Amino acid sequence: MRAYADMHCDTLMKAFFEGEERLFEGQGMQSVSNMIKAGQLLQFFAVFFIPELDEETKKQAGFTREIPSDDEYYSELKSILYSQVEKHSDSIAIALSAEDVRKNKAAGKASAMLTLEDGRFLNGSLDKLRSVYDDGVRAIGLTWNGENCLGYPNSADKNIMEKGLKPFGFEAVEEMNRLGILVDVSHLSDGGFFDVAKTCKKPFIASHSSCRVLTDHQRNLTDEMIKIIASKGGVAGVNFAPEFVNIGEGDPKSRAEFIASHVLHMYKVGGEDIIALGTDFDGIHGDIEIKHPEEMELLFDILSKKGLSSSVLDKFASENVMRVLESI
């Protein structure tokens, strides 16, 4: 089993609602214990900022607690990650850099890295951006599925999709480059993507997005976007959600073969240095063939049978993500 890096999961949110030991116990798609069993190298743990929802939607989503202010919520999820890592320090450690990941591996430990999903938390403040960097945040998804202080989201509405970064968005991208925080475009509008491409001086990522030409969803990347990310030295993590990877009429499943097709298309369009993993574990639903880290070998086996060399599979598994972390 290859020691792989995964650029996105929503397991911290699950731990917020189900109890912080959920982060370790392995009862969902991702957990520390699942990482250890699979020999996983690195997991980006996202703080996903929950949008305002009506009570029925909250109930359907399994949100069993009152959702506090963004500041309180961020503080609690950060605390869950750091306290659980400290409690289980024999098997996992926080990483702030690629060098930390290597040191942790040498010590026989997996690595956890804190990220943000939805830059609304910054609330237009560069001081807040600097503060989350000090907290250990090393990647920020500029938007989720709503407009915020940075820009506009992916959307089925063409007018919204064409809108780009706001003035603070340009400032934040420049400051993230200076600090060493990865700019993540996975939920961004197409207009915002191209603004990032023009503004970003360092490699940027799409932490959990697949290929739009194979599965026509606005969250996925066009071939032009894949080429641009590759030309900038960035990476794209293939998302495992059924609606982002299913291929063919009437098959709504997330099959390992479908995921492999998206990886191979990214490889064909962008080259061997762009491909990576961004499972979105614990943030996705439906009929999913690869549901936790121990099943990841199925994907590597398919890709090997389809012709990817061992060295390219190593890049896909972790080397590309490590290279990007080093670059910032």
C-alpha atoms as a PDB file:
ATOM      1  CA  MET A   1       0.000   0.000   0.000  1.00  0.00           C
ATOM      2  CA  ARG A   2       1.404   3.367  -0.987  1.00  0.00           C
ATOM      3  CA  ALA A   3       1.679   5.999   1.740  1.00  0.00           C
ATOM      4  CA  TYR A   4      -0.555   8.645   0.197  1.00  0.00           C
ATOM      5  CA  ALA A   5      -1.505  12.267   0.867  1.00  0.00           C
ATOM      6  CA  ASP A   6      -5.146  13.385   0.766  1.00  0.00           C
ATOM      7  CA  MET A   7      -5.820  17.104   0.312  1.00  0.00           C
ATOM      8  CA  HIS A   8      -9.363  17.213   1.692  1.00  0.00           C
ATOM      9  CA  CYS A   9     -11.708  15.642   4.209  1.00  0.00           C
ATOM     10  CA  ASP A  10     -14.561  16.957   6.377  1.00  0.00           C
ATOM     11  CA  THR A  11     -13.911  14.697   9.344  1.00  0.00           C
ATOM     12  CA  LEU A  12     -13.440  17.611  11.768  1.00  0.00           C
ATOM     13  CA  MET A  13     -17.035  18.651  11.098  1.00  0.00           C
ATOM     14  CA  LYS A  14     -18.202  15.107  11.886  1.00  0.00           C
ATOM     15  CA  ALA A  15     -16.203  15.173  15.117  1.00  0.00           C
ATOM     16  CA  PHE A  16     -17.821  18.495  16.065  1.00  0.00           C
ATOM     17  CA  PHE A  17     -21.287  16.923  15.842  1.00  0.00           C
ATOM     18  CA  GLU A  18     -20.504  13.377  16.994  1.00  0.00           C
ATOM     19  CA  GLY A  19     -17.810  13.900  19.648  1.00  0.00           C
ATOM     20  CA  GLU A  20     -14.125  14.587  19.308  1.00  0.00           C
ATOM     21  CA  GLU A  21     -13.083  10.940  19.696  1.00  0.00           C
ATOM     22  CA  ARG A  22     -14.803  10.449  16.320  1.00  0.00           C
ATOM     23  CA  LEU A  23     -11.608  11.884  14.842  1.00  0.00           C
ATOM     24  CA  PHE A  24      -9.689   8.854  16.114  1.00  0.00           C
ATOM     25  CA  GLU A  25     -12.181   6.022  16.348  1.00  0.00           C
ATOM     26  CA  GLY A  26     -12.658   5.246  12.670  1.00  0.00           C
ATOM     27  CA  GLN A  27     -16.443   4.934  12.554  1.00  0.00           C
ATOM     28  CA  GLY A  28     -16.770   7.137   9.455  1.00  0.00           C
ATOM     29  CA  MET A  29     -14.906   7.434   6.179  1.00  0.00           C
ATOM     30  CA  GLN A  30     -11.761   8.997   7.643  1.00  0.00           C
ATOM     31  CA  SER A  31     -10.118   8.947  11.064  1.00  0.00           C
ATOM     32  CA  VAL A  32      -6.685   8.729  12.622  1.00  0.00           C
ATOM     33  CA  SER A  33      -7.098   4.997  13.159  1.00  0.00           C
ATOM     34  CA  ASN A  34      -8.066   4.546   9.492  1.00  0.00           C
ATOM     35  CA  MET A  35      -4.985   6.500   8.462  1.00  0.00           C
ATOM     36  CA  ILE A  36      -2.756   4.285  10.590  1.00  0.00           C
ATOM     37  CA  LYS A  37      -4.275   1.035   9.299  1.00  0.00           C
ATOM     38  CA  ALA A  38      -3.736   2.175   5.712  1.00  0.00           C
ATOM     39  CA  GLY A  39      -0.253   3.603   6.287  1.00  0.00           C
ATOM     40  CA  GLN A  40      -1.443   7.010   5.064  1.00  0.00           C
ATOM     41  CA  LEU A  41       1.246   9.680   4.947  1.00  0.00           C
ATOM     42  CA  LEU A  42      -0.709  12.955   5.222  1.00  0.00           C
ATOM     43  CA  GLN A  43      -4.258  14.214   5.608  1.00  0.00           C
ATOM     44  CA  PHE A  44      -5.437  17.795   5.147  1.00  0.00           C
ATOM     45  CA  PHE A  45      -8.171  18.285   7.785  1.00  0.00           C
ATOM     46  CA  ALA A  46     -10.504  21.075   6.701  1.00  0.00           C
ATOM     47  CA  VAL A  47     -12.513  23.412   8.871  1.00  0.00           C
ATOM     48  CA  PHE A  48     -15.672  23.651   6.750  1.00  0.00           C
ATOM     49  CA  PHE A  49     -17.776  26.670   7.678  1.00  0.00           C
ATOM     50  CA  ILE A  50     -21.405  25.585   7.631  1.00  0.00           C
ATOM     51  CA  PRO A  51     -23.866  27.851   5.789  1.00  0.00           C
ATOM     52  CA  GLU A  52     -27.096  29.087   7.359  1.00  0.00           C
ATOM     53  CA  LEU A  53     -29.678  26.295   7.093  1.00  0.00           C
ATOM     54  CA  ASP A  54     -33.296  25.826   8.034  1.00  0.00           C
ATOM     55  CA  GLU A  55     -34.102  23.355  10.806  1.00  0.00           C
ATOM     56  CA  GLU A  56     -35.319  20.600   8.476  1.00  0.00           C
ATOM     57  CA  THR A  57     -32.134  20.751   6.389  1.00  0.00           C
ATOM     58  CA  LYS A  58     -30.028  20.634   9.556  1.00  0.00           C
ATOM     59  CA  LYS A  59     -31.923  17.552  10.704  1.00  0.00           C
ATOM     60  CA  GLN A  60     -31.475  15.800   7.352  1.00  0.00           C
ATOM     61  CA  ALA A  61     -27.755  16.613   7.412  1.00  0.00           C
ATOM     62  CA  GLY A  62     -27.380  15.156  10.894  1.00  0.00           C
ATOM     63  CA  PHE A  63     -26.426  18.465  12.484  1.00  0.00           C
ATOM     64  CA  THR A  64     -27.330  17.635  16.062  1.00  0.00           C
ATOM     65  CA  ARG A  65     -25.792  20.688  17.737  1.00  0.00           C
ATOM     66  CA  GLU A  66     -26.408  24.377  17.546  1.00  0.00           C
ATOM     67  CA  ILE A  67     -23.862  25.901  15.188  1.00  0.00           C
ATOM     68  CA  PRO A  68     -21.959  28.716  16.916  1.00  0.00           C
ATOM     69  CA  SER A  69     -20.347  31.801  15.410  1.00  0.00           C
ATOM     70  CA  ASP A  70     -17.567  31.220  12.896  1.00  0.00           C
ATOM     71  CA  ASP A  71     -14.946  32.257  15.460  1.00  0.00           C
ATOM     72  CA  GLU A  72     -16.215  29.823  18.086  1.00  0.00           C
ATOM     73  CA  TYR A  73     -16.680  27.044  15.557  1.00  0.00           C
ATOM     74  CA  TYR A  74     -13.166  27.460  14.130  1.00  0.00           C
ATOM     75  CA  SER A  75     -11.689  27.504  17.625  1.00  0.00           C
ATOM     76  CA  GLU A  76     -13.486  24.290  18.581  1.00  0.00           C
ATOM     77  CA  LEU A  77     -12.566  22.370  15.426  1.00  0.00           C
ATOM     78  CA  LYS A  78      -8.955  23.485  15.679  1.00  0.00           C
ATOM     79  CA  SER A  79      -8.963  22.351  19.313  1.00  0.00           C
ATOM     80  CA  ILE A  80     -10.429  18.956  18.352  1.00  0.00           C
ATOM     81  CA  LEU A  81      -7.633  18.342  15.873  1.00  0.00           C
ATOM     82  CA  TYR A  82      -4.808  19.501  18.092  1.00  0.00           C
ATOM     83  CA  SER A  83      -6.062  17.781  21.251  1.00  0.00           C
ATOM     84  CA  GLN A  84      -6.694  14.472  19.475  1.00  0.00           C
ATOM     85  CA  VAL A  85      -3.286  14.571  17.807  1.00  0.00           C
ATOM     86  CA  GLU A  86      -1.669  15.230  21.185  1.00  0.00           C
ATOM     87  CA  LYS A  87      -3.693  12.419  22.778  1.00  0.00           C
ATOM     88  CA  HIS A  88      -2.592   9.978  20.078  1.00  0.00           C
ATOM     89  CA  SER A  89       0.902  11.375  19.582  1.00  0.00           C
ATOM     90  CA  ASP A  90       2.378   7.906  19.312  1.00  0.00           C
ATOM     91  CA  SER A  91       0.816   7.542  15.861  1.00  0.00           C
ATOM     92  CA  ILE A  92       0.149  11.023  14.412  1.00  0.00           C
ATOM     93  CA  ALA A  93       1.605  14.545  14.571  1.00  0.00           C
ATOM     94  CA  ILE A  94       0.789  18.001  13.226  1.00  0.00           C
ATOM     95  CA  ALA A  95       2.697  19.084  10.122  1.00  0.00           C
ATOM     96  CA  LEU A  96       3.321  22.700   9.146  1.00  0.00           C
ATOM     97  CA  SER A  97       5.606  21.906   6.208  1.00  0.00           C
ATOM     98  CA  ALA A  98       6.842  19.157   3.931  1.00  0.00           C
ATOM     99  CA  GLU A  99       9.856  18.790   6.200  1.00  0.00           C
ATOM    100  CA  ASP A 100       7.534  18.107   9.147  1.00  0.00           C
ATOM    101  CA  VAL A 101       5.794  15.383   7.135  1.00  0.00           C
ATOM    102  CA  ARG A 102       9.149  13.717   6.472  1.00  0.00           C
ATOM    103  CA  LYS A 103      10.195  13.956  10.117  1.00  0.00           C
ATOM    104  CA  ASN A 104       6.889  12.505  11.238  1.00  0.00           C
ATOM    105  CA  LYS A 105       7.223   9.642   8.774  1.00  0.00           C
ATOM    106  CA  ALA A 106      10.747   8.916   9.990  1.00  0.00           C
ATOM    107  CA  ALA A 107       9.321   8.719  13.512  1.00  0.00           C
ATOM    108  CA  GLY A 108       6.670   6.252  12.355  1.00  0.00           C
ATOM    109  CA  LYS A 109       3.837   8.783  12.484  1.00  0.00           C
ATOM    110  CA  ALA A 110       1.183   9.985  10.066  1.00  0.00           C
ATOM    111  CA  SER A 111       0.779  13.742   9.563  1.00  0.00           C
ATOM    112  CA  ALA A 112      -2.226  16.042   9.962  1.00  0.00           C
ATOM    113  CA  MET A 113      -2.385  19.503   8.395  1.00  0.00           C
ATOM    114  CA  LEU A 114      -5.058  22.101   9.195  1.00  0.00           C
ATOM    115  CA  THR A 115      -6.880  23.836   6.317  1.00  0.00           C
ATOM    116  CA  LEU A 116      -9.916  26.085   5.836  1.00  0.00           C
ATOM    117  CA  GLU A 117     -12.841  25.540   3.477  1.00  0.00           C
ATOM    118  CA  ASP A 118     -14.493  28.913   2.812  1.00  0.00           C
ATOM    119  CA  GLY A 119     -12.468  32.100   3.193  1.00  0.00           C
ATOM    120  CA  ARG A 120     -15.536  33.853   4.614  1.00  0.00           C
ATOM    121  CA  PHE A 121     -13.879  33.267   7.989  1.00  0.00           C
ATOM    122  CA  LEU A 122     -11.279  35.918   7.162  1.00  0.00           C
ATOM    123  CA  ASN A 123     -14.037  38.563   7.061  1.00  0.00           C
ATOM    124  CA  GLY A 124     -11.921  40.896   4.956  1.00  0.00           C
ATOM    125  CA  SER A 125      -9.006  40.980   7.423  1.00  0.00           C
ATOM    126  CA  LEU A 126      -5.384  40.305   6.504  1.00  0.00           C
ATOM    127  CA  ASP A 127      -4.618  40.236  10.236  1.00  0.00           C
ATOM    128  CA  LYS A 128      -7.011  37.308  10.582  1.00  0.00           C
ATOM    129  CA  LEU A 129      -5.274  35.616   7.662  1.00  0.00           C
ATOM    130  CA  ARG A 130      -1.943  35.998   9.433  1.00  0.00           C
ATOM    131  CA  SER A 131      -3.496  34.684  12.632  1.00  0.00           C
ATOM    132  CA  VAL A 132      -4.726  31.435  11.033  1.00  0.00           C
ATOM    133  CA  TYR A 133      -1.272  30.945   9.530  1.00  0.00           C
ATOM    134  CA  ASP A 134       0.134  31.193  13.060  1.00  0.00           C
ATOM    135  CA  ASP A 135      -2.443  28.579  14.098  1.00  0.00           C
ATOM    136  CA  GLY A 136      -1.027  26.151  11.543  1.00  0.00           C
ATOM    137  CA  VAL A 137      -3.416  26.616   8.605  1.00  0.00           C
ATOM    138  CA  ARG A 138      -1.559  25.800   5.394  1.00  0.00           C
ATOM    139  CA  ALA A 139      -4.310  25.860   2.722  1.00  0.00           C
ATOM    140  CA  ILE A 140      -7.481  27.917   2.300  1.00  0.00           C
ATOM    141  CA  GLY A 141     -10.359  27.258  -0.075  1.00  0.00           C
ATOM    142  CA  LEU A 142     -11.192  30.805  -1.128  1.00  0.00           C
ATOM    143  CA  THR A 143     -14.941  30.158  -1.344  1.00  0.00           C
ATOM    144  CA  TRP A 144     -17.419  27.410  -0.690  1.00  0.00           C
ATOM    145  CA  ASN A 145     -20.739  27.585  -2.543  1.00  0.00           C
ATOM    146  CA  GLY A 146     -21.641  31.139  -1.601  1.00  0.00           C
ATOM    147  CA  GLU A 147     -20.308  34.644  -2.213  1.00  0.00           C
ATOM    148  CA  ASN A 148     -17.918  35.904   0.453  1.00  0.00           C
ATOM    149  CA  CYS A 149     -15.354  38.644   1.089  1.00  0.00           C
ATOM    150  CA  LEU A 150     -12.890  37.051  -1.349  1.00  0.00           C
ATOM    151  CA  GLY A 151     -15.069  36.398  -4.355  1.00  0.00           C
ATOM    152  CA  TYR A 152     -17.772  34.289  -5.941  1.00  0.00           C
ATOM    153  CA  PRO A 153     -18.450  30.534  -5.977  1.00  0.00           C
ATOM    154  CA  ASN A 154     -18.957  27.897  -8.618  1.00  0.00           C
ATOM    155  CA  SER A 155     -22.513  28.152  -9.858  1.00  0.00           C
ATOM    156  CA  ALA A 156     -24.976  26.903 -12.452  1.00  0.00           C
ATOM    157  CA  ASP A 157     -25.790  30.593 -12.970  1.00  0.00           C
ATOM    158  CA  LYS A 158     -23.526  31.772 -15.800  1.00  0.00           C
ATOM    159  CA  ASN A 159     -23.513  35.369 -14.517  1.00  0.00           C
ATOM    160  CA  ILE A 160     -22.197  34.290 -11.111  1.00  0.00           C
ATOM    161  CA  MET A 161     -19.753  31.807 -12.636  1.00  0.00           C
ATOM    162  CA  GLU A 162     -18.125  34.569 -14.677  1.00  0.00           C
ATOM    163  CA  LYS A 163     -17.500  36.819 -11.666  1.00  0.00           C
ATOM    164  CA  GLY A 164     -13.988  36.905 -10.270  1.00  0.00           C
ATOM    165  CA  LEU A 165     -12.129  37.856  -7.127  1.00  0.00           C
ATOM    166  CA  LYS A 166     -13.093  40.883  -5.100  1.00  0.00           C
ATOM    167  CA  PRO A 167     -10.420  43.458  -4.149  1.00  0.00           C
ATOM    168  CA  PHE A 168      -9.803  41.667  -0.831  1.00  0.00           C
ATOM    169  CA  GLY A 169      -9.484  38.406  -2.739  1.00  0.00           C
ATOM    170  CA  PHE A 170      -6.529  39.754  -4.701  1.00  0.00           C
ATOM    171  CA  GLU A 171      -4.935  41.066  -1.485  1.00  0.00           C
ATOM    172  CA  ALA A 172      -5.466  37.756   0.287  1.00  0.00           C
ATOM    173  CA  VAL A 173      -3.918  35.701  -2.530  1.00  0.00           C
ATOM    174  CA  GLU A 174      -0.807  37.890  -2.464  1.00  0.00           C
ATOM    175  CA  GLU A 175      -0.551  37.612   1.329  1.00  0.00           C
ATOM    176  CA  MET A 176      -1.084  33.840   1.236  1.00  0.00           C
ATOM    177  CA  ASN A 177       1.806  33.632  -1.233  1.00  0.00           C
ATOM    178  CA  ARG A 178       3.956  35.686   1.116  1.00  0.00           C
ATOM    179  CA  LEU A 179       3.052  33.699   4.229  1.00  0.00           C
ATOM    180  CA  GLY A 180       3.155  30.228   2.742  1.00  0.00           C
ATOM    181  CA  ILE A 181      -0.518  29.218   2.588  1.00  0.00           C
ATOM    182  CA  LEU A 182      -1.758  27.227  -0.401  1.00  0.00           C
ATOM    183  CA  VAL A 183      -4.438  28.974  -2.457  1.00  0.00           C
ATOM    184  CA  ASP A 184      -7.233  26.445  -3.091  1.00  0.00           C
ATOM    185  CA  VAL A 185      -9.642  27.065  -5.997  1.00  0.00           C
ATOM    186  CA  SER A 186     -11.851  23.985  -5.666  1.00  0.00           C
ATOM    187  CA  HIS A 187     -15.132  25.824  -4.971  1.00  0.00           C
ATOM    188  CA  LEU A 188     -14.290  29.025  -6.799  1.00  0.00           C
ATOM    189  CA  SER A 189     -16.121  30.497  -9.799  1.00  0.00           C
ATOM    190  CA  ASP A 190     -14.504  30.171 -13.213  1.00  0.00           C
ATOM    191  CA  GLY A 191     -13.854  33.915 -13.202  1.00  0.00           C
ATOM    192  CA  GLY A 192     -12.210  33.631  -9.799  1.00  0.00           C
ATOM    193  CA  PHE A 193     -10.054  30.756 -11.020  1.00  0.00           C
ATOM    194  CA  PHE A 194      -8.617  32.842 -13.840  1.00  0.00           C
ATOM    195  CA  ASP A 195      -8.028  35.768 -11.458  1.00  0.00           C
ATOM    196  CA  VAL A 196      -6.071  33.452  -9.172  1.00  0.00           C
ATOM    197  CA  ALA A 197      -4.091  32.155 -12.150  1.00  0.00           C
ATOM    198  CA  LYS A 198      -3.099  35.737 -13.071  1.00  0.00           C
ATOM    199  CA  THR A 199      -2.373  36.831  -9.489  1.00  0.00           C
ATOM    200  CA  CYS A 200      -0.797  33.833  -7.778  1.00  0.00           C
ATOM    201  CA  LYS A 201       2.994  33.913  -7.851  1.00  0.00           C
ATOM    202  CA  LYS A 202       3.340  30.422  -6.390  1.00  0.00           C
ATOM    203  CA  PRO A 203       1.738  27.074  -7.276  1.00  0.00           C
ATOM    204  CA  PHE A 204      -1.921  26.790  -6.304  1.00  0.00           C
ATOM    205  CA  ILE A 205      -4.202  23.796  -5.858  1.00  0.00           C
ATOM    206  CA  ALA A 206      -7.668  22.474  -6.512  1.00  0.00           C
ATOM    207  CA  SER A 207      -7.819  20.327  -3.395  1.00  0.00           C
ATOM    208  CA  HIS A 208     -10.893  18.264  -4.300  1.00  0.00           C
ATOM    209  CA  SER A 209     -12.074  18.653  -7.897  1.00  0.00           C
ATOM    210  CA  SER A 210     -12.354  16.261 -10.832  1.00  0.00           C
ATOM    211  CA  CYS A 211     -12.594  16.705 -14.634  1.00  0.00           C
ATOM    212  CA  ARG A 212     -15.491  18.638 -16.196  1.00  0.00           C
ATOM    213  CA  VAL A 213     -15.067  17.089 -19.636  1.00  0.00           C
ATOM    214  CA  LEU A 214     -15.813  13.639 -18.155  1.00  0.00           C
ATOM    215  CA  THR A 215     -18.454  14.657 -15.622  1.00  0.00           C
ATOM    216  CA  ASP A 216     -20.178  17.938 -16.402  1.00  0.00           C
ATOM    217  CA  HIS A 217     -20.385  19.539 -12.975  1.00  0.00           C
ATOM    218  CA  GLN A 218     -19.480  23.173 -12.327  1.00  0.00           C
ATOM    219  CA  ARG A 219     -17.231  22.146  -9.424  1.00  0.00           C
ATOM    220  CA  ASN A 220     -14.987  20.199 -11.770  1.00  0.00           C
ATOM    221  CA  LEU A 221     -12.019  21.559 -13.724  1.00  0.00           C
ATOM    222  CA  THR A 222     -12.039  22.261 -17.448  1.00  0.00           C
ATOM    223  CA  ASP A 223      -9.096  21.051 -19.520  1.00  0.00           C
ATOM    224  CA  GLU A 224      -7.899  24.659 -19.760  1.00  0.00           C
ATOM    225  CA  MET A 225      -7.883  24.902 -15.960  1.00  0.00           C
ATOM    226  CA  ILE A 226      -5.980  21.632 -15.631  1.00  0.00           C
ATOM    227  CA  LYS A 227      -3.320  22.942 -18.027  1.00  0.00           C
ATOM    228  CA  ILE A 228      -3.043  26.227 -16.128  1.00  0.00           C
ATOM    229  CA  ILE A 229      -2.668  24.540 -12.726  1.00  0.00           C
ATOM    230  CA  ALA A 230       0.001  22.293 -14.212  1.00  0.00           C
ATOM    231  CA  SER A 231       1.832  25.225 -15.827  1.00  0.00           C
ATOM    232  CA  LYS A 232       1.913  26.956 -12.433  1.00  0.00           C
ATOM    233  CA  GLY A 233       3.381  23.879 -10.772  1.00  0.00           C
ATOM    234  CA  GLY A 234       0.212  23.149  -8.807  1.00  0.00           C
ATOM    235  CA  VAL A 235      -1.800  20.001  -8.200  1.00  0.00           C
ATOM    236  CA  ALA A 236      -5.426  18.869  -8.395  1.00  0.00           C
ATOM    237  CA  GLY A 237      -6.878  16.304  -6.016  1.00  0.00           C
ATOM    238  CA  VAL A 238      -9.483  14.045  -7.588  1.00  0.00           C
ATOM    239  CA  ASN A 239     -12.759  14.156  -5.639  1.00  0.00           C
ATOM    240  CA  PHE A 240     -14.552  10.849  -4.945  1.00  0.00           C
ATOM    241  CA  ALA A 241     -18.119  12.256  -4.799  1.00  0.00           C
ATOM    242  CA  PRO A 242     -20.490  10.424  -7.172  1.00  0.00           C
ATOM    243  CA  GLU A 243     -21.757  13.635  -8.766  1.00  0.00           C
ATOM    244  CA  PHE A 244     -18.181  14.644  -9.617  1.00  0.00           C
ATOM    245  CA  VAL A 245     -16.915  11.354 -11.064  1.00  0.00           C
ATOM    246  CA  ASN A 246     -19.798   9.252 -12.386  1.00  0.00           C
ATOM    247  CA  ILE A 247     -19.520   8.565 -16.094  1.00  0.00           C
ATOM    248  CA  GLY A 248     -22.313   7.309 -18.310  1.00  0.00           C
ATOM    249  CA  GLU A 249     -26.065   7.629 -18.417  1.00  0.00           C
ATOM    250  CA  GLY A 250     -27.970   6.164 -15.500  1.00  0.00           C
ATOM    251  CA  ASP A 251     -24.992   5.222 -13.317  1.00  0.00           C
ATOM    252  CA  PRO A 252     -24.940   7.519 -10.281  1.00  0.00           C
ATOM    253  CA  LYS A 253     -22.221   5.624  -8.434  1.00  0.00           C
ATOM    254  CA  SER A 254     -18.688   6.615  -7.511  1.00  0.00           C
ATOM    255  CA  ARG A 255     -16.870   3.645  -8.965  1.00  0.00           C
ATOM    256  CA  ALA A 256     -13.124   3.168  -8.613  1.00  0.00           C
ATOM    257  CA  GLU A 257     -12.965   2.812 -12.414  1.00  0.00           C
ATOM    258  CA  PHE A 258     -14.587   6.232 -12.803  1.00  0.00           C
ATOM    259  CA  ILE A 259     -12.143   7.851 -10.373  1.00  0.00           C
ATOM    260  CA  ALA A 260      -9.273   6.232 -12.283  1.00  0.00           C
ATOM    261  CA  SER A 261     -10.629   7.699 -15.529  1.00  0.00           C
ATOM    262  CA  HIS A 262     -10.507  11.190 -14.012  1.00  0.00           C
ATOM    263  CA  VAL A 263      -6.932  10.661 -12.801  1.00  0.00           C
ATOM    264  CA  LEU A 264      -5.887   9.412 -16.226  1.00  0.00           C
ATOM    265  CA  HIS A 265      -7.556  12.353 -17.964  1.00  0.00           C
ATOM    266  CA  MET A 266      -5.765  14.834 -15.689  1.00  0.00           C
ATOM    267  CA  TYR A 267      -2.538  12.986 -16.417  1.00  0.00           C
ATOM    268  CA  LYS A 268      -3.160  13.133 -20.165  1.00  0.00           C
ATOM    269  CA  VAL A 269      -4.031  16.844 -20.147  1.00  0.00           C
ATOM    270  CA  GLY A 270      -1.750  18.209 -17.417  1.00  0.00           C
ATOM    271  CA  GLY A 271       1.045  15.682 -17.083  1.00  0.00           C
ATOM    272  CA  GLU A 272       2.333  13.518 -14.270  1.00  0.00           C
ATOM    273  CA  ASP A 273       3.068  16.401 -11.878  1.00  0.00           C
ATOM    274  CA  ILE A 274      -0.530  17.613 -11.437  1.00  0.00           C
ATOM    275  CA  ILE A 275      -2.322  14.453 -10.305  1.00  0.00           C
ATOM    276  CA  ALA A 276      -3.170  14.000  -6.630  1.00  0.00           C
ATOM    277  CA  LEU A 277      -5.893  12.852  -4.239  1.00  0.00           C
ATOM    278  CA  GLY A 278      -8.628  14.965  -2.648  1.00  0.00           C
ATOM    279  CA  THR A 279     -11.176  12.374  -1.550  1.00  0.00           C
ATOM    280  CA  ASP A 280     -13.603  14.656   0.319  1.00  0.00           C
ATOM    281  CA  PHE A 281     -14.115  11.809   2.811  1.00  0.00           C
ATOM    282  CA  ASP A 282     -16.877  12.524   5.360  1.00  0.00           C
ATOM    283  CA  GLY A 283     -18.126  15.347   3.145  1.00  0.00           C
ATOM    284  CA  ILE A 284     -19.613  13.172   0.405  1.00  0.00           C
ATOM    285  CA  HIS A 285     -22.582  10.837   0.226  1.00  0.00           C
ATOM    286  CA  GLY A 286     -24.070   8.189  -2.014  1.00  0.00           C
ATOM    287  CA  ASP A 287     -22.901   4.878  -3.462  1.00  0.00           C
ATOM    288  CA  ILE A 288     -19.118   5.147  -3.121  1.00  0.00           C
ATOM    289  CA  GLU A 289     -16.870   2.176  -3.879  1.00  0.00           C
ATOM    290  CA  ILE A 290     -13.775   3.508  -2.080  1.00  0.00           C
ATOM    291  CA  LYS A 291     -15.142   4.573   1.303  1.00  0.00           C
ATOM    292  CA  HIS A 292     -12.053   4.740   3.518  1.00  0.00           C
ATOM    293  CA  PRO A 293      -8.236   4.695   3.315  1.00  0.00           C
ATOM    294  CA  GLU A 294      -7.802   0.931   3.512  1.00  0.00           C
ATOM    295  CA  GLU A 295      -9.650   0.594   0.193  1.00  0.00           C
ATOM    296  CA  MET A 296      -7.364   3.040  -1.632  1.00  0.00           C
ATOM    297  CA  GLU A 297      -5.187   0.246  -2.978  1.00  0.00           C
ATOM    298  CA  LEU A 298      -8.036  -0.615  -5.354  1.00  0.00           C
ATOM    299  CA  LEU A 299      -7.502   2.696  -7.156  1.00  0.00           C
ATOM    300  CA  PHE A 300      -3.738   2.252  -7.358  1.00  0.00           C
ATOM    301  CA  ASP A 301      -4.195  -1.266  -8.755  1.00  0.00           C
ATOM    302  CA  ILE A 302      -6.547  -0.022 -11.492  1.00  0.00           C
ATOM    303  CA  LEU A 303      -4.211   2.815 -12.448  1.00  0.00           C
ATOM    304  CA  SER A 304      -1.273   0.399 -12.583  1.00  0.00           C
ATOM    305  CA  LYS A 305      -3.203  -1.970 -14.851  1.00  0.00           C
ATOM    306  CA  LYS A 306      -4.106   0.974 -17.079  1.00  0.00           C
ATOM    307  CA  GLY A 307      -0.448   1.749 -17.615  1.00  0.00           C
ATOM    308  CA  LEU A 308       0.728   4.234 -14.983  1.00  0.00           C
ATOM    309  CA  SER A 309       4.291   3.430 -13.955  1.00  0.00           C
ATOM    310  CA  SER A 310       5.325   2.960 -10.353  1.00  0.00           C
ATOM    311  CA  SER A 311       7.156   6.305 -10.374  1.00  0.00           C
ATOM    312  CA  VAL A 312       4.062   8.142 -11.662  1.00  0.00           C
ATOM    313  CA  LEU A 313       1.896   6.411  -9.058  1.00  0.00           C
ATOM    314  CA  ASP A 314       4.319   7.603  -6.380  1.00  0.00           C
ATOM    315  CA  LYS A 315       3.847  11.156  -7.641  1.00  0.00           C
ATOM    316  CA  PHE A 316       0.078  10.732  -7.594  1.00  0.00           C
ATOM    317  CA  ALA A 317       0.135   9.213  -4.115  1.00  0.00           C
ATOM    318  CA  SER A 318       2.150  11.900  -2.350  1.00  0.00           C
ATOM    319  CA  GLU A 319       5.184  13.289  -4.150  1.00  0.00           C
ATOM    320  CA  ASN A 320       3.269  15.957  -6.070  1.00  0.00           C
ATOM    321  CA  VAL A 321       1.604  17.256  -2.907  1.00  0.00           C
ATOM    322  CA  MET A 322       4.937  17.250  -1.079  1.00  0.00           C
ATOM    323  CA  ARG A 323       6.542  19.189  -3.926  1.00  0.00           C
ATOM    324  CA  VAL A 324       3.843  21.866  -3.787  1.00  0.00           C
ATOM    325  CA  LEU A 325       4.161  22.160  -0.010  1.00  0.00           C
ATOM    326  CA  GLU A 326       7.904  22.674  -0.454  1.00  0.00           C
ATOM    327  CA  SER A 327       7.283  25.341  -3.098  1.00  0.00           C
ATOM    328  CA  ILE A 328       5.342  27.576  -0.711  1.00  0.00           C
END
